[in-house]
N, C-alpha and C. Protein backbone atom coordinates (compact mmCIF):
# COMPACT_ATOMS: atom_id res chain seq x y z
N UNK A 1 -46.67 -33.91 -4.99
CA UNK A 1 -45.59 -34.76 -4.15
C UNK A 1 -45.75 -34.59 -2.89
N UNK A 2 -45.57 -35.51 -2.02
CA UNK A 2 -46.12 -35.35 -0.62
C UNK A 2 -45.03 -34.26 0.44
N UNK A 3 -45.29 -33.62 1.41
CA UNK A 3 -43.98 -32.61 1.78
C UNK A 3 -43.14 -33.75 2.76
N UNK A 4 -43.22 -35.45 3.38
CA UNK A 4 -42.14 -35.99 3.62
C UNK A 4 -41.14 -36.35 2.17
N UNK A 5 -41.62 -36.87 1.28
CA UNK A 5 -41.01 -37.13 0.26
C UNK A 5 -39.82 -35.73 -0.21
N UNK A 6 -40.60 -34.93 -0.12
CA UNK A 6 -39.98 -33.47 -0.77
C UNK A 6 -39.38 -32.99 -0.13
N UNK A 7 -39.11 -33.43 1.46
CA UNK A 7 -38.08 -32.88 2.40
C UNK A 7 -37.21 -33.71 2.32
N UNK A 8 -37.07 -35.00 2.07
CA UNK A 8 -36.06 -36.47 1.83
C UNK A 8 -35.37 -35.75 0.84
N UNK A 9 -35.89 -35.75 0.07
CA UNK A 9 -35.06 -35.00 -1.73
C UNK A 9 -34.58 -33.69 -1.21
N UNK A 10 -34.59 -32.60 -0.71
CA UNK A 10 -33.94 -31.74 -0.53
C UNK A 10 -33.15 -31.77 0.45
N UNK A 11 -33.17 -32.23 1.34
CA UNK A 11 -32.39 -32.67 2.27
C UNK A 11 -30.75 -33.36 1.41
N UNK A 12 -31.41 -34.47 0.84
CA UNK A 12 -30.27 -35.60 0.15
C UNK A 12 -30.03 -34.56 -0.87
N UNK A 13 -30.61 -33.46 -1.54
CA UNK A 13 -29.90 -32.61 -2.16
C UNK A 13 -28.91 -31.79 -1.51
N UNK A 14 -29.41 -31.54 -0.58
CA UNK A 14 -28.51 -30.39 0.52
C UNK A 14 -26.66 -31.17 0.88
N UNK A 15 -26.87 -32.29 1.11
CA UNK A 15 -25.79 -33.04 1.86
C UNK A 15 -24.97 -33.22 0.49
N UNK A 16 -25.54 -33.56 -0.41
CA UNK A 16 -24.41 -34.38 -1.59
C UNK A 16 -24.36 -32.69 -2.26
N UNK A 17 -24.54 -31.65 -2.31
CA UNK A 17 -24.33 -30.46 -2.51
C UNK A 17 -22.45 -30.26 -1.89
N UNK A 18 -23.21 -29.81 -0.33
CA UNK A 18 -22.08 -29.84 0.82
C UNK A 18 -20.74 -30.87 0.47
N UNK A 19 -21.50 -31.81 0.47
CA UNK A 19 -19.99 -33.06 0.25
C UNK A 19 -19.06 -32.12 -0.82
N UNK A 20 -19.43 -32.02 -1.70
CA UNK A 20 -18.59 -31.40 -3.16
C UNK A 20 -18.06 -30.01 -3.23
N UNK A 21 -18.65 -29.37 -2.02
CA UNK A 21 -18.20 -28.02 -2.05
C UNK A 21 -16.52 -28.09 -1.73
N UNK A 22 -15.60 -27.16 -2.22
CA UNK A 22 -14.58 -26.80 -1.70
C UNK A 22 -14.43 -25.55 -1.51
N UNK A 23 -13.29 -25.16 -0.56
CA UNK A 23 -13.30 -24.08 -0.05
C UNK A 23 -12.27 -22.72 -1.06
N UNK A 24 -12.54 -21.83 -1.11
CA UNK A 24 -11.68 -21.09 -2.12
C UNK A 24 -10.38 -20.72 -1.26
N UNK A 25 -9.23 -20.79 -2.01
CA UNK A 25 -8.21 -20.35 -1.08
C UNK A 25 -7.46 -19.22 -1.95
N UNK A 26 -6.92 -18.20 -1.28
CA UNK A 26 -6.22 -16.82 -2.21
C UNK A 26 -5.39 -15.99 -0.96
N UNK A 27 -4.27 -16.63 -1.10
CA UNK A 27 -3.15 -16.28 -0.19
C UNK A 27 -1.74 -15.81 -0.84
N UNK A 28 -1.14 -15.05 0.06
CA UNK A 28 0.25 -14.75 -0.11
C UNK A 28 1.34 -14.99 0.71
N UNK A 29 2.17 -15.95 0.86
CA UNK A 29 2.68 -16.77 1.34
C UNK A 29 4.48 -15.53 1.32
N UNK A 30 4.53 -14.73 2.19
CA UNK A 30 6.11 -14.13 2.08
C UNK A 30 7.28 -14.87 3.06
N UNK A 31 8.20 -15.17 2.11
CA UNK A 31 9.31 -16.05 2.59
C UNK A 31 10.53 -15.37 2.40
N UNK A 32 10.98 -15.11 4.05
CA UNK A 32 12.25 -14.25 3.80
C UNK A 32 13.81 -14.86 3.58
N UNK A 33 14.82 -14.61 3.96
CA UNK A 33 15.94 -14.94 3.15
C UNK A 33 15.88 -16.71 3.82
N UNK A 34 16.92 -17.15 2.86
CA UNK A 34 16.95 -18.57 3.09
C UNK A 34 17.81 -18.78 4.29
N UNK A 35 16.91 -19.71 5.30
CA UNK A 35 17.78 -20.38 6.05
C UNK A 35 19.01 -21.48 6.05
N UNK A 36 18.79 -22.11 4.93
CA UNK A 36 20.01 -23.16 4.64
C UNK A 36 20.08 -23.00 2.77
N UNK A 37 20.69 -22.90 2.44
CA UNK A 37 20.60 -23.36 0.67
C UNK A 37 22.31 -23.33 0.52
N UNK A 38 22.01 -24.62 -0.66
CA UNK A 38 22.99 -25.26 -1.28
C UNK A 38 23.42 -24.47 -3.44
N UNK A 39 23.76 -23.65 -3.39
CA UNK A 39 23.75 -23.60 -4.70
C UNK A 39 25.26 -24.28 -5.72
N UNK A 40 24.72 -25.08 -6.60
CA UNK A 40 25.17 -25.36 -7.80
C UNK A 40 25.64 -24.21 -9.20
N UNK A 41 26.53 -23.91 -9.02
CA UNK A 41 26.99 -23.07 -10.36
C UNK A 41 27.63 -23.92 -11.62
N UNK A 42 27.08 -23.87 -12.98
CA UNK A 42 27.09 -25.12 -14.06
C UNK A 42 28.58 -24.73 -14.51
N UNK A 43 29.65 -23.41 -14.32
CA UNK A 43 30.72 -22.99 -14.65
C UNK A 43 31.33 -23.29 -15.71
N UNK A 44 30.46 -23.41 -16.58
CA UNK A 44 30.50 -23.53 -18.36
C UNK A 44 30.44 -22.38 -19.29
N UNK A 45 30.45 -20.88 -18.40
CA UNK A 45 30.70 -19.79 -19.12
C UNK A 45 28.81 -19.27 -18.98
N UNK A 46 27.96 -20.15 -18.86
CA UNK A 46 26.51 -19.86 -18.88
C UNK A 46 26.25 -19.09 -16.98
N UNK A 47 25.12 -18.55 -17.16
CA UNK A 47 24.90 -18.48 -16.07
C UNK A 47 24.22 -19.39 -15.24
N UNK A 48 23.76 -20.30 -15.89
CA UNK A 48 22.75 -21.38 -15.43
C UNK A 48 23.37 -21.85 -13.97
N UNK A 49 22.40 -21.95 -12.99
CA UNK A 49 22.70 -22.53 -11.73
C UNK A 49 21.63 -23.29 -10.90
N UNK A 50 21.78 -23.73 -9.75
CA UNK A 50 20.94 -24.78 -9.39
C UNK A 50 20.92 -23.85 -8.04
N UNK A 51 19.58 -23.55 -7.49
CA UNK A 51 19.68 -23.32 -5.48
C UNK A 51 18.61 -24.56 -5.33
N UNK A 52 19.26 -25.15 -4.15
CA UNK A 52 18.16 -26.06 -3.37
C UNK A 52 18.33 -24.70 -1.91
N UNK A 53 17.16 -24.30 -1.44
CA UNK A 53 16.75 -23.76 -0.72
C UNK A 53 15.68 -23.93 0.50
N UNK A 54 16.09 -23.61 1.79
CA UNK A 54 15.09 -23.77 2.83
C UNK A 54 14.58 -22.14 3.64
N UNK A 55 13.25 -21.74 3.26
CA UNK A 55 13.05 -20.70 3.96
C UNK A 55 11.76 -20.64 4.54
N UNK A 56 11.58 -19.69 5.57
CA UNK A 56 10.00 -19.48 6.19
C UNK A 56 9.50 -18.46 6.37
N UNK A 57 8.28 -18.47 6.49
CA UNK A 57 7.75 -17.28 6.08
C UNK A 57 6.46 -17.46 6.98
N UNK A 58 5.19 -16.34 6.49
CA UNK A 58 3.89 -16.13 7.02
C UNK A 58 2.89 -16.06 6.15
N UNK A 59 1.62 -16.06 5.97
CA UNK A 59 0.46 -16.40 5.01
C UNK A 59 -0.48 -15.73 5.26
N UNK A 60 -0.83 -14.80 4.60
CA UNK A 60 -2.37 -13.74 4.76
C UNK A 60 -2.98 -14.35 3.42
N UNK A 61 -4.02 -13.57 3.76
CA UNK A 61 -5.26 -14.07 2.74
C UNK A 61 -6.42 -14.55 3.43
N UNK A 62 -7.24 -15.20 2.64
CA UNK A 62 -8.27 -15.67 2.75
C UNK A 62 -8.51 -17.27 2.71
N UNK A 63 -9.23 -18.43 2.99
CA UNK A 63 -8.82 -19.87 2.95
C UNK A 63 -8.07 -20.25 3.75
N UNK A 64 -8.58 -21.27 4.16
CA UNK A 64 -8.13 -22.65 4.80
C UNK A 64 -6.67 -22.49 5.62
N UNK A 65 -5.67 -21.92 4.38
CA UNK A 65 -3.86 -21.33 4.35
C UNK A 65 -3.81 -20.41 5.06
N UNK A 66 -4.79 -19.65 5.23
CA UNK A 66 -4.62 -17.98 6.10
C UNK A 66 -4.61 -18.38 7.44
N UNK A 67 -3.22 -17.46 7.47
CA UNK A 67 -2.72 -17.29 8.92
C UNK A 67 -1.73 -18.21 9.63
N UNK A 68 -1.35 -19.43 8.50
CA UNK A 68 -0.47 -20.16 9.08
C UNK A 68 1.17 -19.57 8.62
N UNK A 69 1.63 -20.45 9.49
CA UNK A 69 3.40 -20.35 8.69
C UNK A 69 3.59 -21.21 7.99
N UNK A 70 4.30 -20.57 6.88
CA UNK A 70 5.39 -21.54 6.01
C UNK A 70 6.65 -22.08 5.66
N UNK A 71 6.76 -22.55 5.64
CA UNK A 71 8.62 -23.37 5.31
C UNK A 71 8.74 -24.43 3.74
N UNK A 72 9.52 -23.01 3.20
CA UNK A 72 9.54 -23.92 1.79
C UNK A 72 10.74 -24.61 2.02
N UNK A 73 10.66 -26.02 0.75
CA UNK A 73 11.88 -26.75 0.64
C UNK A 73 11.81 -26.66 -1.21
N UNK A 74 12.75 -26.18 -1.84
CA UNK A 74 12.42 -25.55 -2.77
C UNK A 74 14.06 -26.06 -3.84
N UNK A 75 13.93 -26.40 -5.12
CA UNK A 75 14.73 -26.64 -6.04
C UNK A 75 14.92 -25.34 -7.23
N UNK A 76 15.40 -24.78 -7.72
CA UNK A 76 15.65 -23.52 -7.95
C UNK A 76 16.24 -23.90 -9.49
N UNK A 77 15.98 -24.45 -10.20
CA UNK A 77 16.87 -24.34 -11.98
C UNK A 77 16.95 -23.40 -12.45
N UNK A 78 17.98 -22.42 -12.49
CA UNK A 78 17.59 -20.87 -13.06
C UNK A 78 18.68 -21.21 -14.15
N UNK A 79 18.56 -20.83 -15.46
CA UNK A 79 19.05 -20.81 -16.42
C UNK A 79 18.66 -19.41 -17.14
N UNK A 80 18.80 -18.21 -17.15
CA UNK A 80 18.96 -16.79 -17.26
C UNK A 80 19.90 -16.72 -18.74
N UNK A 81 19.23 -16.17 -19.79
CA UNK A 81 18.16 -15.70 -20.22
C UNK A 81 17.10 -16.69 -20.57
N UNK A 82 17.40 -17.97 -20.44
CA UNK A 82 16.29 -18.85 -21.30
C UNK A 82 15.13 -19.23 -20.42
N UNK A 83 15.35 -19.05 -18.84
CA UNK A 83 14.48 -19.44 -17.89
C UNK A 83 14.49 -19.82 -16.97
N UNK A 84 13.62 -20.45 -16.10
CA UNK A 84 13.65 -21.38 -14.84
C UNK A 84 12.55 -22.30 -14.73
N UNK A 85 12.66 -23.42 -13.85
CA UNK A 85 12.07 -24.12 -13.59
C UNK A 85 11.90 -24.32 -12.13
N UNK A 86 11.60 -23.54 -11.07
CA UNK A 86 11.75 -23.99 -9.67
C UNK A 86 10.56 -25.02 -9.38
N UNK A 87 10.38 -25.63 -8.45
CA UNK A 87 9.93 -26.54 -8.00
C UNK A 87 10.08 -27.18 -6.45
N UNK A 88 8.98 -27.88 -5.86
CA UNK A 88 9.50 -28.14 -4.17
C UNK A 88 8.10 -28.17 -3.46
N UNK A 89 8.00 -28.08 -2.22
CA UNK A 89 7.11 -28.58 -1.65
C UNK A 89 7.17 -27.03 -0.35
N UNK A 90 5.72 -26.59 -0.04
CA UNK A 90 5.53 -26.03 0.95
C UNK A 90 4.79 -26.61 2.38
N UNK A 91 5.17 -26.82 3.21
CA UNK A 91 4.85 -26.93 4.03
C UNK A 91 4.02 -25.95 5.43
N UNK A 92 2.25 -25.36 5.19
CA UNK A 92 2.14 -25.09 6.14
C UNK A 92 2.04 -25.60 7.23
N UNK A 93 1.68 -24.43 8.37
CA UNK A 93 1.65 -24.94 9.57
C UNK A 93 0.86 -24.05 10.58
N UNK A 94 -0.66 -24.68 11.14
CA UNK A 94 -1.51 -24.11 11.36
C UNK A 94 -0.94 -23.47 13.00
N UNK A 95 -1.74 -22.85 13.82
CA UNK A 95 -1.38 -22.72 15.48
C UNK A 95 -1.30 -23.63 16.08
N UNK A 96 -2.35 -24.53 15.78
CA UNK A 96 -2.79 -25.99 16.79
C UNK A 96 -1.78 -26.81 16.08
N UNK A 97 -0.86 -26.73 15.39
CA UNK A 97 0.40 -28.03 14.77
C UNK A 97 -0.62 -28.54 13.37
N UNK A 98 -1.89 -28.71 13.21
CA UNK A 98 -2.11 -29.23 11.79
C UNK A 98 -1.22 -28.71 10.25
N UNK A 99 -0.51 -29.34 9.56
CA UNK A 99 0.04 -29.48 8.77
C UNK A 99 -0.70 -29.66 7.43
N UNK A 100 -0.38 -29.02 6.59
CA UNK A 100 -0.71 -29.41 5.01
C UNK A 100 0.44 -28.92 4.02
N UNK A 101 1.12 -29.99 3.14
CA UNK A 101 2.09 -30.37 2.50
C UNK A 101 1.57 -30.38 1.03
N UNK A 102 2.23 -28.92 0.21
CA UNK A 102 1.67 -28.91 -0.95
C UNK A 102 2.87 -28.58 -1.83
N UNK A 103 2.58 -29.11 -2.85
CA UNK A 103 3.64 -29.48 -3.98
C UNK A 103 3.30 -28.51 -4.87
N UNK A 104 4.34 -28.08 -5.67
CA UNK A 104 4.01 -26.74 -6.31
C UNK A 104 5.70 -26.81 -7.31
N UNK A 105 4.82 -26.30 -8.47
CA UNK A 105 6.19 -25.87 -9.82
C UNK A 105 5.87 -24.95 -10.80
N UNK A 106 6.93 -24.31 -10.93
CA UNK A 106 6.58 -23.16 -11.82
C UNK A 106 7.18 -23.05 -12.99
N UNK A 107 6.82 -22.66 -14.23
CA UNK A 107 7.68 -22.32 -15.40
C UNK A 107 7.81 -20.75 -15.25
N UNK A 108 9.20 -20.41 -15.24
CA UNK A 108 9.61 -18.77 -15.33
C UNK A 108 10.56 -18.59 -16.74
N UNK A 109 9.85 -17.08 -17.33
CA UNK A 109 10.90 -16.73 -18.45
C UNK A 109 10.90 -15.41 -18.19
N UNK A 110 12.47 -15.04 -18.98
CA UNK A 110 12.59 -13.82 -18.68
C UNK A 110 12.52 -13.04 -19.93
N UNK A 111 11.58 -11.52 -19.62
CA UNK A 111 11.33 -10.84 -21.21
C UNK A 111 12.29 -9.42 -21.00
N UNK A 112 12.84 -9.17 -22.03
CA UNK A 112 13.85 -8.21 -22.01
C UNK A 112 12.68 -6.50 -21.32
N UNK A 113 13.53 -6.23 -20.10
CA UNK A 113 12.95 -5.09 -19.77
C UNK A 113 14.00 -3.84 -20.12
N UNK A 114 13.22 -2.67 -19.70
CA UNK A 114 13.40 -1.07 -19.99
C UNK A 114 15.63 -1.23 -19.51
N UNK A 115 15.58 -1.32 -18.44
CA UNK A 115 16.82 -1.50 -17.56
C UNK A 115 17.51 -3.28 -17.30
N UNK A 116 16.66 -3.82 -16.46
CA UNK A 116 17.17 -5.40 -16.79
C UNK A 116 15.58 -6.23 -17.28
N UNK A 117 16.25 -7.70 -17.35
CA UNK A 117 15.19 -9.05 -17.46
C UNK A 117 13.81 -8.85 -16.95
N UNK A 118 12.89 -8.94 -17.19
CA UNK A 118 11.60 -9.05 -16.37
C UNK A 118 11.32 -10.28 -16.50
N UNK A 119 10.95 -10.88 -15.04
CA UNK A 119 10.70 -12.26 -14.54
C UNK A 119 9.19 -12.31 -14.60
N UNK A 120 8.46 -13.79 -15.31
CA UNK A 120 7.58 -13.89 -15.83
C UNK A 120 6.85 -15.26 -15.55
N UNK A 121 6.75 -15.54 -14.96
CA UNK A 121 6.20 -17.34 -14.30
C UNK A 121 4.70 -17.45 -14.11
N UNK A 122 4.49 -18.78 -14.04
CA UNK A 122 3.33 -19.27 -13.91
C UNK A 122 3.52 -20.31 -13.61
N UNK A 123 2.28 -21.12 -12.40
CA UNK A 123 2.51 -22.66 -11.84
C UNK A 123 1.80 -23.24 -11.15
N UNK A 124 1.49 -24.23 -11.05
CA UNK A 124 0.24 -24.69 -10.03
C UNK A 124 0.77 -25.17 -8.79
N UNK A 125 0.40 -25.55 -7.74
CA UNK A 125 0.21 -26.07 -6.42
C UNK A 125 -0.70 -27.38 -6.24
N UNK A 126 -0.73 -28.34 -5.30
CA UNK A 126 -1.22 -28.87 -5.29
C UNK A 126 -1.12 -29.24 -3.71
N UNK A 127 -2.03 -29.90 -2.59
CA UNK A 127 -2.55 -30.38 -1.49
C UNK A 127 -2.27 -31.63 -1.59
N UNK A 128 -0.79 -32.16 -0.93
CA UNK A 128 -0.95 -33.54 -1.47
C UNK A 128 -1.13 -34.42 -0.38
N UNK A 129 -0.85 -34.03 1.00
CA UNK A 129 -1.19 -34.89 2.32
C UNK A 129 -1.69 -33.47 3.13
N UNK A 130 -1.38 -34.49 4.57
CA UNK A 130 -1.66 -33.09 5.64
C UNK A 130 -1.84 -34.09 7.24
N UNK A 131 -2.40 -33.35 8.07
CA UNK A 131 -2.47 -33.90 9.54
C UNK A 131 -3.16 -32.89 10.03
N UNK A 132 -4.21 -33.28 10.74
CA UNK A 132 -5.38 -32.54 11.75
C UNK A 132 -6.67 -32.38 10.29
N UNK A 133 -6.99 -30.86 10.66
CA UNK A 133 -8.15 -30.93 9.67
C UNK A 133 -7.41 -31.09 7.81
N UNK A 134 -6.47 -31.27 7.73
CA UNK A 134 -5.95 -30.98 6.49
C UNK A 134 -5.75 -32.48 5.68
N UNK A 135 -6.13 -33.68 6.96
CA UNK A 135 -5.82 -34.83 6.75
C UNK A 135 -5.84 -35.58 5.63
N UNK A 136 -7.85 -35.31 5.68
CA UNK A 136 -8.52 -35.97 4.29
C UNK A 136 -8.77 -35.04 3.17
N UNK A 137 -7.89 -33.83 3.25
CA UNK A 137 -8.02 -32.74 2.17
C UNK A 137 -7.50 -32.67 0.84
N UNK A 138 -7.89 -32.05 0.05
CA UNK A 138 -6.89 -31.96 -1.28
C UNK A 138 -7.03 -30.64 -2.29
N UNK A 139 -6.37 -30.48 -2.90
CA UNK A 139 -6.78 -28.85 -3.76
C UNK A 139 -5.48 -28.89 -4.42
N UNK A 140 -5.75 -28.29 -5.35
CA UNK A 140 -4.92 -27.33 -6.39
C UNK A 140 -5.48 -25.70 -6.75
N UNK A 141 -4.57 -25.56 -7.60
CA UNK A 141 -4.62 -23.96 -8.28
C UNK A 141 -3.55 -23.53 -8.96
N UNK A 142 -3.52 -22.03 -9.31
CA UNK A 142 -2.42 -21.44 -10.04
C UNK A 142 -1.22 -20.95 -8.70
N UNK A 143 -0.46 -20.74 -9.31
CA UNK A 143 0.57 -20.54 -8.56
C UNK A 143 1.98 -18.94 -9.14
N UNK A 144 1.75 -18.16 -8.62
CA UNK A 144 2.84 -17.39 -9.23
C UNK A 144 3.85 -16.39 -7.81
N UNK A 145 4.77 -16.55 -8.50
CA UNK A 145 6.53 -15.90 -7.57
C UNK A 145 6.71 -14.38 -7.88
N UNK A 146 6.59 -13.54 -7.12
CA UNK A 146 7.06 -12.35 -7.02
C UNK A 146 8.36 -12.46 -6.44
N UNK A 147 9.20 -11.24 -7.07
CA UNK A 147 10.64 -11.05 -6.42
C UNK A 147 10.12 -9.93 -5.02
N UNK A 148 10.01 -10.21 -3.96
CA UNK A 148 9.68 -8.97 -3.21
C UNK A 148 11.05 -7.67 -2.57
N UNK A 149 11.93 -8.69 -2.54
CA UNK A 149 12.99 -7.81 -2.19
C UNK A 149 14.64 -9.01 -2.64
N UNK A 150 15.82 -8.28 -2.36
CA UNK A 150 16.71 -8.98 -2.77
C UNK A 150 16.93 -10.47 -1.88
N UNK A 151 16.21 -10.58 -0.96
CA UNK A 151 16.34 -11.93 -0.17
C UNK A 151 14.99 -12.40 -0.22
N UNK A 152 13.76 -11.87 -0.23
CA UNK A 152 12.41 -12.28 0.62
C UNK A 152 11.77 -12.69 -1.48
N UNK A 153 10.88 -13.75 -1.17
CA UNK A 153 10.14 -14.27 -1.81
C UNK A 153 8.82 -14.17 -1.66
N UNK A 154 7.72 -13.77 -2.78
CA UNK A 154 6.33 -13.70 -2.24
C UNK A 154 5.46 -14.97 -3.16
N UNK A 155 4.86 -15.54 -2.97
CA UNK A 155 4.58 -16.83 -3.38
C UNK A 155 2.81 -16.40 -3.47
N UNK A 156 2.10 -16.59 -4.20
CA UNK A 156 0.65 -16.45 -4.57
C UNK A 156 0.21 -17.63 -4.90
N UNK A 157 -1.09 -18.14 -3.90
CA UNK A 157 -1.77 -19.30 -4.40
C UNK A 157 -3.06 -18.87 -4.99
N UNK A 158 -3.54 -19.46 -5.38
CA UNK A 158 -5.05 -19.07 -5.68
C UNK A 158 -5.60 -20.03 -5.99
N UNK A 159 -6.92 -20.79 -5.71
CA UNK A 159 -7.61 -22.36 -5.89
C UNK A 159 -8.52 -22.42 -5.08
N UNK A 160 -8.47 -24.08 -4.77
CA UNK A 160 -9.58 -24.70 -4.21
C UNK A 160 -9.14 -25.64 -2.97
N UNK A 161 -9.33 -25.56 -2.02
CA UNK A 161 -9.49 -26.67 -1.06
C UNK A 161 -10.88 -27.32 -0.62
N UNK A 162 -10.46 -28.98 -0.82
CA UNK A 162 -11.89 -29.58 -0.11
C UNK A 162 -11.56 -30.98 0.17
N UNK A 163 -12.52 -31.54 0.69
CA UNK A 163 -12.23 -32.87 1.00
C UNK A 163 -12.03 -33.93 -0.04
N UNK A 164 -11.28 -34.48 0.06
CA UNK A 164 -11.19 -36.22 -0.54
C UNK A 164 -12.65 -36.64 -1.02
N UNK A 165 -11.99 -37.15 -2.09
CA UNK A 165 -13.75 -37.83 -2.24
C UNK A 165 -13.58 -39.44 -1.90
């Protein structure tokens, strides 16, 4: 094969590969006590409640969401001991003002613990829109929630973010 043709093929392959590459994301978003919340108790003898919550926090880890600030707009449908279905949006904001809007959903179940029930959950997140560097991006991944304290929640996001096709 001629050197020029080989160079053209290799350059084309490199460009194609770089266009499909996604950046891994592995972050922990620590969200503090709610800034605002509305709670509805079912008042039917069960422990079922819905909590609409707005809280803010910071993000540590690796990937394009690391180092951002985050705001949660959440809807937590909790029915112990049957389980919970929290969902909502995170709005991640960079220091320069770029915004990533991430939709999320979890399924949580309570397992019998030695002292109190243990919360086990799994979910997904999806980058649905954004501005600045996130404007033409998309992404998806796994989500888990840990109870950091009585008021604080730790959301762990792992996955990939890349350019929209």
